[in-house]
C-alpha atoms as a PDB file:
ATOM      1  CA  MET A   1     105.490  86.437  98.438  1.00  0.00           C
ATOM      2  CA  ASP A   2     107.407  85.172 101.452  1.00  0.00           C
ATOM      3  CA  PRO A   3     105.825  84.486 104.883  1.00  0.00           C
ATOM      4  CA  LEU A   4     108.958  85.919 106.519  1.00  0.00           C
ATOM      5  CA  LEU A   5     107.888  89.363 105.287  1.00  0.00           C
ATOM      6  CA  HIS A   6     105.006  89.313 107.792  1.00  0.00           C
ATOM      7  CA  SER A   7     107.407  89.741 110.689  1.00  0.00           C
ATOM      8  CA  LEU A   8     108.677  92.969 109.090  1.00  0.00           C
ATOM      9  CA  PHE A   9     105.302  94.627 108.452  1.00  0.00           C
ATOM     10  CA  ARG A  10     102.351  94.281 110.819  1.00  0.00           C
ATOM     11  CA  PRO A  11      99.851  97.050 110.103  1.00  0.00           C
ATOM     12  CA  LEU A  12      97.534  98.208 112.866  1.00  0.00           C
ATOM     13  CA  GLN A  13      93.800  98.807 112.693  1.00  0.00           C
ATOM     14  CA  VAL A  14      91.729 100.562 115.356  1.00  0.00           C
ATOM     15  CA  ASN A  15      89.314  97.698 115.951  1.00  0.00           C
ATOM     16  CA  GLY A  16      87.468  96.609 119.079  1.00  0.00           C
ATOM     17  CA  SER A  17      86.994 100.150 120.421  1.00  0.00           C
ATOM     18  CA  ASP A  18      83.192 100.050 120.573  1.00  0.00           C
ATOM     19  CA  LEU A  19      81.325  98.145 123.286  1.00  0.00           C
ATOM     20  CA  SER A  20      78.516  97.203 120.902  1.00  0.00           C
ATOM     21  CA  THR A  21      80.776  95.348 118.422  1.00  0.00           C
ATOM     22  CA  TYR A  22      83.356  92.571 118.477  1.00  0.00           C
ATOM     23  CA  TYR A  23      86.452  91.909 116.338  1.00  0.00           C
ATOM     24  CA  ILE A  24      88.425  88.644 116.098  1.00  0.00           C
ATOM     25  CA  GLU A  25      91.251  87.344 113.891  1.00  0.00           C
ATOM     26  CA  GLN A  26      92.910  84.062 112.979  1.00  0.00           C
ATOM     27  CA  LYS A  27      96.031  83.207 111.020  1.00  0.00           C
ATOM     28  CA  PRO A  28      95.837  81.233 107.747  1.00  0.00           C
ATOM     29  CA  SER A  29      97.174  77.717 107.240  1.00  0.00           C
ATOM     30  CA  ALA A  30     100.902  77.311 106.588  1.00  0.00           C
ATOM     31  CA  ALA A  31     100.418  77.022 102.804  1.00  0.00           C
ATOM     32  CA  LEU A  32      98.736  80.440 102.666  1.00  0.00           C
ATOM     33  CA  LYS A  33     100.932  82.396 105.085  1.00  0.00           C
ATOM     34  CA  ALA A  34     102.886  83.979 102.235  1.00  0.00           C
ATOM     35  CA  TYR A  35      99.711  85.499 100.788  1.00  0.00           C
ATOM     36  CA  VAL A  36      97.079  85.929 103.514  1.00  0.00           C
ATOM     37  CA  ALA A  37      97.680  88.200 106.499  1.00  0.00           C
ATOM     38  CA  CYS A  38      94.701  86.905 108.479  1.00  0.00           C
ATOM     39  CA  TYR A  39      91.011  86.062 108.520  1.00  0.00           C
ATOM     40  CA  TRP A  40      88.895  88.454 110.555  1.00  0.00           C
ATOM     41  CA  GLU A  41      85.335  88.979 111.621  1.00  0.00           C
ATOM     42  CA  SER A  42      83.309  91.745 113.234  1.00  0.00           C
ATOM     43  CA  GLY A  43      79.700  92.014 114.284  1.00  0.00           C
ATOM     44  CA  PRO A  44      77.249  92.901 117.066  1.00  0.00           C
ATOM     45  CA  ALA A  45      78.669  92.112 120.496  1.00  0.00           C
ATOM     46  CA  ASN A  46      75.531  90.566 121.989  1.00  0.00           C
ATOM     47  CA  ARG A  47      76.960  87.222 120.879  1.00  0.00           C
ATOM     48  CA  VAL A  48      80.673  86.669 120.302  1.00  0.00           C
ATOM     49  CA  GLU A  49      81.741  83.337 118.815  1.00  0.00           C
ATOM     50  CA  GLU A  50      85.215  81.881 119.237  1.00  0.00           C
ATOM     51  CA  GLY A  51      85.765  78.287 118.196  1.00  0.00           C
ATOM     52  CA  ASN A  52      82.812  76.203 119.358  1.00  0.00           C
ATOM     53  CA  LEU A  53      82.157  78.493 122.302  1.00  0.00           C
ATOM     54  CA  ALA A  54      79.645  81.320 121.987  1.00  0.00           C
ATOM     55  CA  ALA A  55      80.234  83.928 124.669  1.00  0.00           C
ATOM     56  CA  SER A  56      76.854  85.521 125.378  1.00  0.00           C
ATOM     57  CA  TYR A  57      76.620  89.019 126.826  1.00  0.00           C
ATOM     58  CA  GLU A  58      72.841  88.991 127.324  1.00  0.00           C
ATOM     59  CA  ASP A  59      73.109  89.491 131.067  1.00  0.00           C
ATOM     60  CA  THR A  60      75.630  92.314 130.859  1.00  0.00           C
ATOM     61  CA  ALA A  61      75.219  96.038 130.619  1.00  0.00           C
ATOM     62  CA  LEU A  62      75.903  95.879 126.904  1.00  0.00           C
ATOM     63  CA  LEU A  63      72.246  95.404 126.093  1.00  0.00           C
ATOM     64  CA  SER A  64      71.338  98.477 128.098  1.00  0.00           C
ATOM     65  CA  LEU A  65      73.439 100.689 125.858  1.00  0.00           C
ATOM     66  CA  PRO A  66      71.432 103.121 123.712  1.00  0.00           C
ATOM     67  CA  GLN A  67      70.810 101.775 120.223  1.00  0.00           C
ATOM     68  CA  GLU A  68      72.603 104.012 117.739  1.00  0.00           C
ATOM     69  CA  GLU A  69      74.833 103.775 114.697  1.00  0.00           C
ATOM     70  CA  THR A  70      78.397 102.691 115.493  1.00  0.00           C
ATOM     71  CA  MET A  71      81.410 104.035 113.622  1.00  0.00           C
ATOM     72  CA  GLU A  72      84.923 102.619 113.273  1.00  0.00           C
ATOM     73  CA  ARG A  73      87.975 104.193 111.673  1.00  0.00           C
ATOM     74  CA  VAL A  74      89.610 102.130 108.889  1.00  0.00           C
ATOM     75  CA  LEU A  75      93.240 102.909 108.070  1.00  0.00           C
ATOM     76  CA  PRO A  76      95.207 102.447 104.817  1.00  0.00           C
ATOM     77  CA  ASP A  77      97.490  99.419 105.263  1.00  0.00           C
ATOM     78  CA  GLY A  78      98.564  98.294 101.765  1.00  0.00           C
ATOM     79  CA  CYS A  79      96.334  95.215 102.044  1.00  0.00           C
ATOM     80  CA  THR A  80      93.278  94.114 100.058  1.00  0.00           C
ATOM     81  CA  ASP A  81      90.310  92.172 101.446  1.00  0.00           C
ATOM     82  CA  ILE A  82      87.542  89.800 100.485  1.00  0.00           C
ATOM     83  CA  LEU A  83      84.532  90.980 102.492  1.00  0.00           C
ATOM     84  CA  LEU A  84      81.603  88.653 103.113  1.00  0.00           C
ATOM     85  CA  GLU A  85      78.819  90.552 104.838  1.00  0.00           C
ATOM     86  CA  TYR A  86      76.197  88.127 106.106  1.00  0.00           C
ATOM     87  CA  ASP A  87      73.080  88.213 108.229  1.00  0.00           C
ATOM     88  CA  PRO A  88      72.599  84.839 109.994  1.00  0.00           C
ATOM     89  CA  VAL A  89      69.091  85.793 111.095  1.00  0.00           C
ATOM     90  CA  ASN A  90      67.668  86.938 107.755  1.00  0.00           C
ATOM     91  CA  LYS A  91      69.929  84.599 105.712  1.00  0.00           C
ATOM     92  CA  ARG A  92      71.335  87.349 103.475  1.00  0.00           C
ATOM     93  CA  GLN A  93      74.876  87.775 102.209  1.00  0.00           C
ATOM     94  CA  ASP A  94      76.955  90.034  99.971  1.00  0.00           C
ATOM     95  CA  ILE A  95      80.510  89.247  98.832  1.00  0.00           C
ATOM     96  CA  SER A  96      82.897  91.937  97.628  1.00  0.00           C
ATOM     97  CA  TYR A  97      86.575  92.651  97.010  1.00  0.00           C
ATOM     98  CA  CYS A  98      88.072  95.752  98.611  1.00  0.00           C
ATOM     99  CA  GLY A  99      91.119  97.217  96.857  1.00  0.00           C
ATOM    100  CA  THR A 100      94.089  99.041  98.369  1.00  0.00           C
ATOM    101  CA  PHE A 101      92.941 102.244 100.043  1.00  0.00           C
ATOM    102  CA  THR A 102      95.065 105.403 100.093  1.00  0.00           C
ATOM    103  CA  HIS A 103      93.054 107.342 102.666  1.00  0.00           C
ATOM    104  CA  PRO A 104      91.264 106.602 105.963  1.00  0.00           C
ATOM    105  CA  PHE A 105      87.504 106.198 106.050  1.00  0.00           C
ATOM    106  CA  VAL A 106      84.752 105.418 108.539  1.00  0.00           C
ATOM    107  CA  SER A 107      82.839 102.137 108.569  1.00  0.00           C
ATOM    108  CA  ALA A 108      79.303 102.473 109.927  1.00  0.00           C
ATOM    109  CA  ARG A 109      77.048  99.801 111.423  1.00  0.00           C
ATOM    110  CA  GLN A 110      73.312 100.394 111.791  1.00  0.00           C
ATOM    111  CA  ALA A 111      71.811 100.046 115.252  1.00  0.00           C
ATOM    112  CA  GLY A 112      70.117  96.708 115.819  1.00  0.00           C
ATOM    113  CA  SER A 113      71.659  95.137 112.722  1.00  0.00           C
ATOM    114  CA  GLU A 114      72.527  91.439 112.970  1.00  0.00           C
ATOM    115  CA  ALA A 115      74.894  91.704 109.986  1.00  0.00           C
ATOM    116  CA  ARG A 116      78.472  90.522 110.441  1.00  0.00           C
ATOM    117  CA  ILE A 117      81.515  90.776 108.222  1.00  0.00           C
ATOM    118  CA  PHE A 118      83.770  87.776 107.691  1.00  0.00           C
ATOM    119  CA  ALA A 119      86.862  88.687 105.693  1.00  0.00           C
ATOM    120  CA  VAL A 120      90.170  87.602 104.206  1.00  0.00           C
ATOM    121  CA  ARG A 121      92.916  90.205 104.562  1.00  0.00           C
ATOM    122  CA  PHE A 122      95.575  89.620 101.916  1.00  0.00           C
ATOM    123  CA  PHE A 123      99.135  90.645 102.686  1.00  0.00           C
ATOM    124  CA  PRO A 124     100.405  93.343 100.261  1.00  0.00           C
ATOM    125  CA  GLY A 125     100.852  91.613  96.899  1.00  0.00           C
ATOM    126  CA  GLY A 126      99.188  88.388  98.048  1.00  0.00           C
ATOM    127  CA  ALA A 127      95.815  88.718  96.301  1.00  0.00           C
ATOM    128  CA  HIS A 128      97.449  88.913  92.862  1.00  0.00           C
ATOM    129  CA  PHE A 129      98.374  85.231  93.144  1.00  0.00           C
ATOM    130  CA  PHE A 130      94.684  84.314  93.273  1.00  0.00           C
ATOM    131  CA  HIS A 131      92.971  86.505  90.685  1.00  0.00           C
ATOM    132  CA  GLY A 132      95.937  87.580  88.500  1.00  0.00           C
ATOM    133  CA  ILE A 133      94.413  90.999  87.771  1.00  0.00           C
ATOM    134  CA  PRO A 134      96.504  94.194  88.217  1.00  0.00           C
ATOM    135  CA  ILE A 135      95.662  95.462  91.695  1.00  0.00           C
ATOM    136  CA  HIS A 136      95.670  99.125  90.639  1.00  0.00           C
ATOM    137  CA  LEU A 137      92.322  98.487  88.891  1.00  0.00           C
ATOM    138  CA  PHE A 138      90.718  98.120  92.335  1.00  0.00           C
ATOM    139  CA  THR A 139      92.482 100.948  94.209  1.00  0.00           C
ATOM    140  CA  ASP A 140      90.181 102.946  96.522  1.00  0.00           C
ATOM    141  CA  GLY A 141      87.175 100.862  95.493  1.00  0.00           C
ATOM    142  CA  ASN A 142      84.912  97.996  96.495  1.00  0.00           C
ATOM    143  CA  PHE A 143      83.743  95.535  93.801  1.00  0.00           C
ATOM    144  CA  ARG A 144      81.323  92.615  93.499  1.00  0.00           C
ATOM    145  CA  LEU A 145      83.528  89.556  93.913  1.00  0.00           C
ATOM    146  CA  GLU A 146      81.666  87.440  91.352  1.00  0.00           C
ATOM    147  CA  ASP A 147      82.514  90.039  88.660  1.00  0.00           C
ATOM    148  CA  ILE A 148      86.270  89.706  89.076  1.00  0.00           C
ATOM    149  CA  TRP A 149      87.137  86.467  90.849  1.00  0.00           C
ATOM    150  CA  PRO A 150      88.469  83.549  88.732  1.00  0.00           C
ATOM    151  CA  GLU A 151      85.968  81.050  90.152  1.00  0.00           C
ATOM    152  CA  SER A 152      82.408  81.310  91.408  1.00  0.00           C
ATOM    153  CA  VAL A 153      82.315  82.020  95.122  1.00  0.00           C
ATOM    154  CA  ALA A 154      78.527  81.690  95.549  1.00  0.00           C
ATOM    155  CA  ILE A 155      78.790  78.175  96.977  1.00  0.00           C
ATOM    156  CA  ILE A 156      81.531  79.233  99.398  1.00  0.00           C
ATOM    157  CA  GLY A 157      79.381  82.158 100.494  1.00  0.00           C
ATOM    158  CA  GLU A 158      76.451  79.848 101.181  1.00  0.00           C
ATOM    159  CA  ARG A 159      78.639  77.476 103.192  1.00  0.00           C
ATOM    160  CA  ILE A 160      80.024  80.341 105.257  1.00  0.00           C
ATOM    161  CA  LEU A 161      76.502  81.641 105.886  1.00  0.00           C
ATOM    162  CA  GLU A 162      75.542  78.206 107.275  1.00  0.00           C
ATOM    163  CA  ALA A 163      78.750  77.754 109.315  1.00  0.00           C
ATOM    164  CA  GLN A 164      78.313  77.444 113.077  1.00  0.00           C
ATOM    165  CA  ASP A 165      81.254  79.532 114.258  1.00  0.00           C
ATOM    166  CA  PHE A 166      84.254  81.640 113.249  1.00  0.00           C
ATOM    167  CA  ASN A 167      86.662  78.696 113.173  1.00  0.00           C
ATOM    168  CA  GLU A 168      84.436  76.829 110.732  1.00  0.00           C
ATOM    169  CA  ARG A 169      84.203  79.876 108.478  1.00  0.00           C
ATOM    170  CA  VAL A 170      87.993  80.139 108.521  1.00  0.00           C
ATOM    171  CA  ARG A 171      88.350  76.447 107.625  1.00  0.00           C
ATOM    172  CA  ILE A 172      85.943  76.738 104.683  1.00  0.00           C
ATOM    173  CA  MET A 173      87.655  79.803 103.212  1.00  0.00           C
ATOM    174  CA  ASP A 174      91.141  78.458 103.881  1.00  0.00           C
ATOM    175  CA  GLU A 175      90.372  75.214 102.019  1.00  0.00           C
ATOM    176  CA  TYR A 176      88.887  77.165  99.107  1.00  0.00           C
ATOM    177  CA  LEU A 177      91.902  79.482  98.784  1.00  0.00           C
ATOM    178  CA  ASN A 178      94.329  76.563  99.035  1.00  0.00           C
ATOM    179  CA  GLN A 179      92.596  74.800  96.143  1.00  0.00           C
ATOM    180  CA  LEU A 180      92.472  77.979  94.078  1.00  0.00           C
ATOM    181  CA  LEU A 181      96.155  78.705  94.689  1.00  0.00           C
ATOM    182  CA  LEU A 182      97.125  75.259  93.391  1.00  0.00           C
ATOM    183  CA  ARG A 183      95.234  75.887  90.156  1.00  0.00           C
ATOM    184  CA  GLN A 184      96.465  79.406  89.482  1.00  0.00           C
ATOM    185  CA  ARG A 185      99.489  79.960  87.253  1.00  0.00           C
ATOM    186  CA  THR A 186     100.584  83.402  88.424  1.00  0.00           C
ATOM    187  CA  LYS A 187     104.368  83.386  88.472  1.00  0.00           C
ATOM    188  CA  ASP A 188     106.227  84.149  91.656  1.00  0.00           C
ATOM    189  CA  CYS A 189     107.944  87.535  91.716  1.00  0.00           C
ATOM    190  CA  ASP A 190     111.344  87.593  93.421  1.00  0.00           C
ATOM    191  CA  LEU A 191     111.728  91.241  92.490  1.00  0.00           C
ATOM    192  CA  MET A 192     108.630  92.187  94.493  1.00  0.00           C
ATOM    193  CA  LYS A 193     109.895  90.213  97.473  1.00  0.00           C
ATOM    194  CA  ASN A 194     113.171  92.139  97.363  1.00  0.00           C
ATOM    195  CA  LEU A 195     111.448  95.504  96.972  1.00  0.00           C
ATOM    196  CA  LEU A 196     109.023  94.859  99.834  1.00  0.00           C
ATOM    197  CA  HIS A 197     111.855  93.613 102.040  1.00  0.00           C
ATOM    198  CA  ARG A 198     113.856  96.810 101.459  1.00  0.00           C
ATOM    199  CA  ILE A 199     110.832  99.014 102.176  1.00  0.00           C
ATOM    200  CA  PHE A 200     109.881  97.105 105.340  1.00  0.00           C
ATOM    201  CA  VAL A 201     113.423  97.015 106.739  1.00  0.00           C
ATOM    202  CA  SER A 202     113.760 100.773 106.208  1.00  0.00           C
ATOM    203  CA  GLY A 203     110.418 101.437 107.860  1.00  0.00           C
ATOM    204  CA  GLY A 204     109.196 103.035 104.647  1.00  0.00           C
ATOM    205  CA  SER A 205     112.069 105.519 104.480  1.00  0.00           C
ATOM    206  CA  VAL A 206     113.829 104.241 101.353  1.00  0.00           C
ATOM    207  CA  GLY A 207     113.229 106.246  98.171  1.00  0.00           C
ATOM    208  CA  VAL A 208     112.199 104.903  94.756  1.00  0.00           C
ATOM    209  CA  LYS A 209     115.489 106.044  93.214  1.00  0.00           C
ATOM    210  CA  GLU A 210     117.460 104.077  95.796  1.00  0.00           C
ATOM    211  CA  LEU A 211     115.253 101.015  95.268  1.00  0.00           C
ATOM    212  CA  ALA A 212     115.895 101.179  91.530  1.00  0.00           C
ATOM    213  CA  GLU A 213     119.653 101.511  91.993  1.00  0.00           C
ATOM    214  CA  ARG A 214     119.860  98.582  94.415  1.00  0.00           C
ATOM    215  CA  GLU A 215     117.798  96.294  92.185  1.00  0.00           C
ATOM    216  CA  ALA A 216     119.481  97.552  88.983  1.00  0.00           C
ATOM    217  CA  ILE A 217     116.169  98.342  87.267  1.00  0.00           C
ATOM    218  CA  SER A 218     114.427 101.551  86.226  1.00  0.00           C
ATOM    219  CA  GLU A 219     112.054 103.549  88.418  1.00  0.00           C
ATOM    220  CA  ARG A 220     109.451 103.090  85.702  1.00  0.00           C
ATOM    221  CA  GLN A 221     109.662  99.290  86.052  1.00  0.00           C
ATOM    222  CA  ILE A 222     109.249  99.546  89.822  1.00  0.00           C
ATOM    223  CA  ASN A 223     106.181 101.753  89.449  1.00  0.00           C
ATOM    224  CA  ARG A 224     104.665  99.294  86.978  1.00  0.00           C
ATOM    225  CA  LYS A 225     105.308  96.316  89.286  1.00  0.00           C
ATOM    226  CA  PHE A 226     103.729  98.086  92.252  1.00  0.00           C
ATOM    227  CA  GLY A 227     100.650  98.956  90.246  1.00  0.00           C
ATOM    228  CA  GLN A 228     100.335  95.309  89.250  1.00  0.00           C
ATOM    229  CA  TRP A 229     101.006  93.706  92.642  1.00  0.00           C
ATOM    230  CA  ILE A 230     100.185  96.314  95.323  1.00  0.00           C
ATOM    231  CA  GLY A 231      97.791  98.741  93.648  1.00  0.00           C
ATOM    232  CA  ILE A 232      99.568 101.980  94.551  1.00  0.00           C
ATOM    233  CA  SER A 233     102.921 103.539  93.690  1.00  0.00           C
ATOM    234  CA  PRO A 234     106.059 102.507  95.607  1.00  0.00           C
ATOM    235  CA  LYS A 235     106.261 106.067  96.987  1.00  0.00           C
ATOM    236  CA  LYS A 236     102.714 105.945  98.339  1.00  0.00           C
ATOM    237  CA  PHE A 237     103.171 102.410  99.676  1.00  0.00           C
ATOM    238  CA  SER A 238     106.375 103.453 101.472  1.00  0.00           C
ATOM    239  CA  GLU A 239     104.457 106.338 103.046  1.00  0.00           C
ATOM    240  CA  VAL A 240     101.822 103.873 104.291  1.00  0.00           C
ATOM    241  CA  VAL A 241     104.547 101.620 105.734  1.00  0.00           C
ATOM    242  CA  ARG A 242     106.189 104.595 107.472  1.00  0.00           C
ATOM    243  CA  PHE A 243     102.797 105.667 108.834  1.00  0.00           C
ATOM    244  CA  HIS A 244     102.308 102.234 110.419  1.00  0.00           C
ATOM    245  CA  SER A 245     105.840 102.348 111.761  1.00  0.00           C
ATOM    246  CA  VAL A 246     104.900 105.577 113.563  1.00  0.00           C
ATOM    247  CA  LEU A 247     101.694 103.931 114.823  1.00  0.00           C
ATOM    248  CA  HIS A 248     103.710 101.103 116.373  1.00  0.00           C
ATOM    249  CA  SER A 249     106.009 103.623 118.062  1.00  0.00           C
ATOM    250  CA  ILE A 250     102.982 105.414 119.505  1.00  0.00           C
ATOM    251  CA  GLN A 251     101.382 102.174 120.676  1.00  0.00           C
ATOM    252  CA  SER A 252     104.557 100.955 122.363  1.00  0.00           C
ATOM    253  CA  GLY A 253     104.260 103.685 124.987  1.00  0.00           C
ATOM    254  CA  GLY A 254     106.874 106.019 126.386  1.00  0.00           C
ATOM    255  CA  SER A 255     107.361 109.703 125.798  1.00  0.00           C
ATOM    256  CA  LEU A 256     105.370 111.303 122.969  1.00  0.00           C
ATOM    257  CA  ASP A 257     108.182 113.525 121.744  1.00  0.00           C
ATOM    258  CA  TRP A 258     107.078 114.327 118.179  1.00  0.00           C
ATOM    259  CA  THR A 259     110.439 115.869 117.262  1.00  0.00           C
ATOM    260  CA  GLU A 260     112.138 112.642 118.324  1.00  0.00           C
ATOM    261  CA  PHE A 261     109.549 110.627 116.395  1.00  0.00           C
ATOM    262  CA  ALA A 262     110.202 112.736 113.285  1.00  0.00           C
ATOM    263  CA  LEU A 263     113.931 112.032 113.423  1.00  0.00           C
ATOM    264  CA  LYS A 264     113.437 108.335 114.156  1.00  0.00           C
ATOM    265  CA  HIS A 265     111.138 107.849 111.158  1.00  0.00           C
ATOM    266  CA  SER A 266     113.088 110.058 108.720  1.00  0.00           C
ATOM    267  CA  PHE A 267     110.681 112.999 108.473  1.00  0.00           C
ATOM    268  CA  PHE A 268     112.076 116.467 107.800  1.00  0.00           C
ATOM    269  CA  ASP A 269     110.617 117.833 111.016  1.00  0.00           C
ATOM    270  CA  GLN A 270     107.698 117.556 113.423  1.00  0.00           C
ATOM    271  CA  ALA A 271     105.347 119.459 111.094  1.00  0.00           C
ATOM    272  CA  HIS A 272     106.134 117.025 108.265  1.00  0.00           C
ATOM    273  CA  LEU A 273     105.330 114.044 110.508  1.00  0.00           C
ATOM    274  CA  ILE A 274     102.010 115.499 111.694  1.00  0.00           C
ATOM    275  CA  ARG A 275     100.952 116.511 108.176  1.00  0.00           C
ATOM    276  CA  ASP A 276     101.706 113.056 106.745  1.00  0.00           C
ATOM    277  CA  PHE A 277     100.101 111.325 109.722  1.00  0.00           C
ATOM    278  CA  ARG A 278      96.825 113.202 109.293  1.00  0.00           C
ATOM    279  CA  ARG A 279      96.604 112.017 105.673  1.00  0.00           C
ATOM    280  CA  PHE A 280      96.473 108.379 106.744  1.00  0.00           C
ATOM    281  CA  TYR A 281      94.821 108.557 110.173  1.00  0.00           C
ATOM    282  CA  GLY A 282      92.372 111.380 109.612  1.00  0.00           C
ATOM    283  CA  ASP A 283      93.437 113.046 112.859  1.00  0.00           C
ATOM    284  CA  SER A 284      96.505 114.052 114.858  1.00  0.00           C
ATOM    285  CA  PRO A 285      99.148 111.695 116.349  1.00  0.00           C
ATOM    286  CA  LEU A 286      97.917 112.729 119.797  1.00  0.00           C
ATOM    287  CA  THR A 287      94.423 111.445 119.005  1.00  0.00           C
ATOM    288  CA  ALA A 288      95.966 108.214 117.722  1.00  0.00           C
ATOM    289  CA  ALA A 289      97.897 107.875 120.996  1.00  0.00           C
ATOM    290  CA  LYS A 290      94.635 108.100 122.954  1.00  0.00           C
ATOM    291  CA  ASP A 291      93.052 105.505 120.666  1.00  0.00           C
ATOM    292  CA  LEU A 292      95.857 102.986 120.261  1.00  0.00           C
ATOM    293  CA  ARG A 293      97.104 102.837 123.821  1.00  0.00           C
ATOM    294  CA  LYS A 294      93.732 101.465 124.857  1.00  0.00           C
ATOM    295  CA  LEU A 295      93.741  98.770 122.199  1.00  0.00           C
ATOM    296  CA  SER A 296      95.681  95.566 121.590  1.00  0.00           C
ATOM    297  CA  ASP A 297      97.499  94.770 118.367  1.00  0.00           C
ATOM    298  CA  PHE A 298      94.836  92.595 116.734  1.00  0.00           C
ATOM    299  CA  TYR A 299      97.089  91.587 113.857  1.00  0.00           C
ATOM    300  CA  ASN A 300      98.148  88.460 115.745  1.00  0.00           C
ATOM    301  CA  THR A 301      95.693  85.717 116.663  1.00  0.00           C
ATOM    302  CA  ARG A 302      94.841  85.648 120.337  1.00  0.00           C
ATOM    303  CA  PRO A 303      93.527  82.564 122.160  1.00  0.00           C
ATOM    304  CA  GLU A 304      90.762  84.391 123.989  1.00  0.00           C
ATOM    305  CA  ALA A 305      87.570  85.849 122.543  1.00  0.00           C
ATOM    306  CA  SER A 306      87.546  89.298 121.016  1.00  0.00           C
ATOM    307  CA  ALA A 307      88.337  92.140 123.352  1.00  0.00           C
ATOM    308  CA  ILE A 308      85.500  94.626 123.705  1.00  0.00           C
ATOM    309  CA  LEU A 309      87.255  97.786 124.824  1.00  0.00           C
ATOM    310  CA  LYS A 310      85.932 101.232 125.554  1.00  0.00           C
ATOM    311  CA  ILE A 311      87.696 104.472 124.681  1.00  0.00           C
END
């Protein structure tokens, strides 16, 4: 992969919308920028860690909120993730690998839980460089990492569990992935770079037939490559990219003219846009506008602690 592709595709997630949770991100080291989109973490908001500073909310109204299960919407984004769920109080951890999802789902957190999730979000195609397994085998699923990863991650998990803050967890995982990348022999794929570049530049509007003609290969070859590197078909991936392109247009503000949006993003009409949007968001574009315009784009690292925003 190429780190320059990141500037062309920056998927959005609806994170940080619940007062009882926090969400923070950090970019990978330069050597991993072609493969890793970011490191991220979420957990209970009574104590938010950023660097060596722990921002305590014990004297705020947060602790007076009623204790109930919190829910967050997770959107398909073409990425895969290593998820390390850990409980620093009870010293428990669980490490898994989340494949490419094709539909939205809800992530629930139990009231009073001290569990946090520290994760690696791989850029589309990036994870294949580390484990070398066809990504389509993990599509729409979550798997025990030790069953599929090329090297034992138990020691890394223990080190992350003992880490003092988010920055230290990032450093530990970044060093591990750098070492693993140097030892892996997965060949680079210039074809995938070209295909992703064409899809990103078009905002997900280019068809598979056109991709095949421009790269002088068959549609069957393209489908096989996408199954191996991305986990879903090029058609489905392009739809996900176009969906996120619409999300960015909604977030940017201005008039919510759905007919204009449909034309801008190469939908047949407004009904086509809304129907496709619901498949990936789980609700209407109008609901997304209410959600996203109250959130920041968390894809980029921010110097301050996680925003805790209320919808």
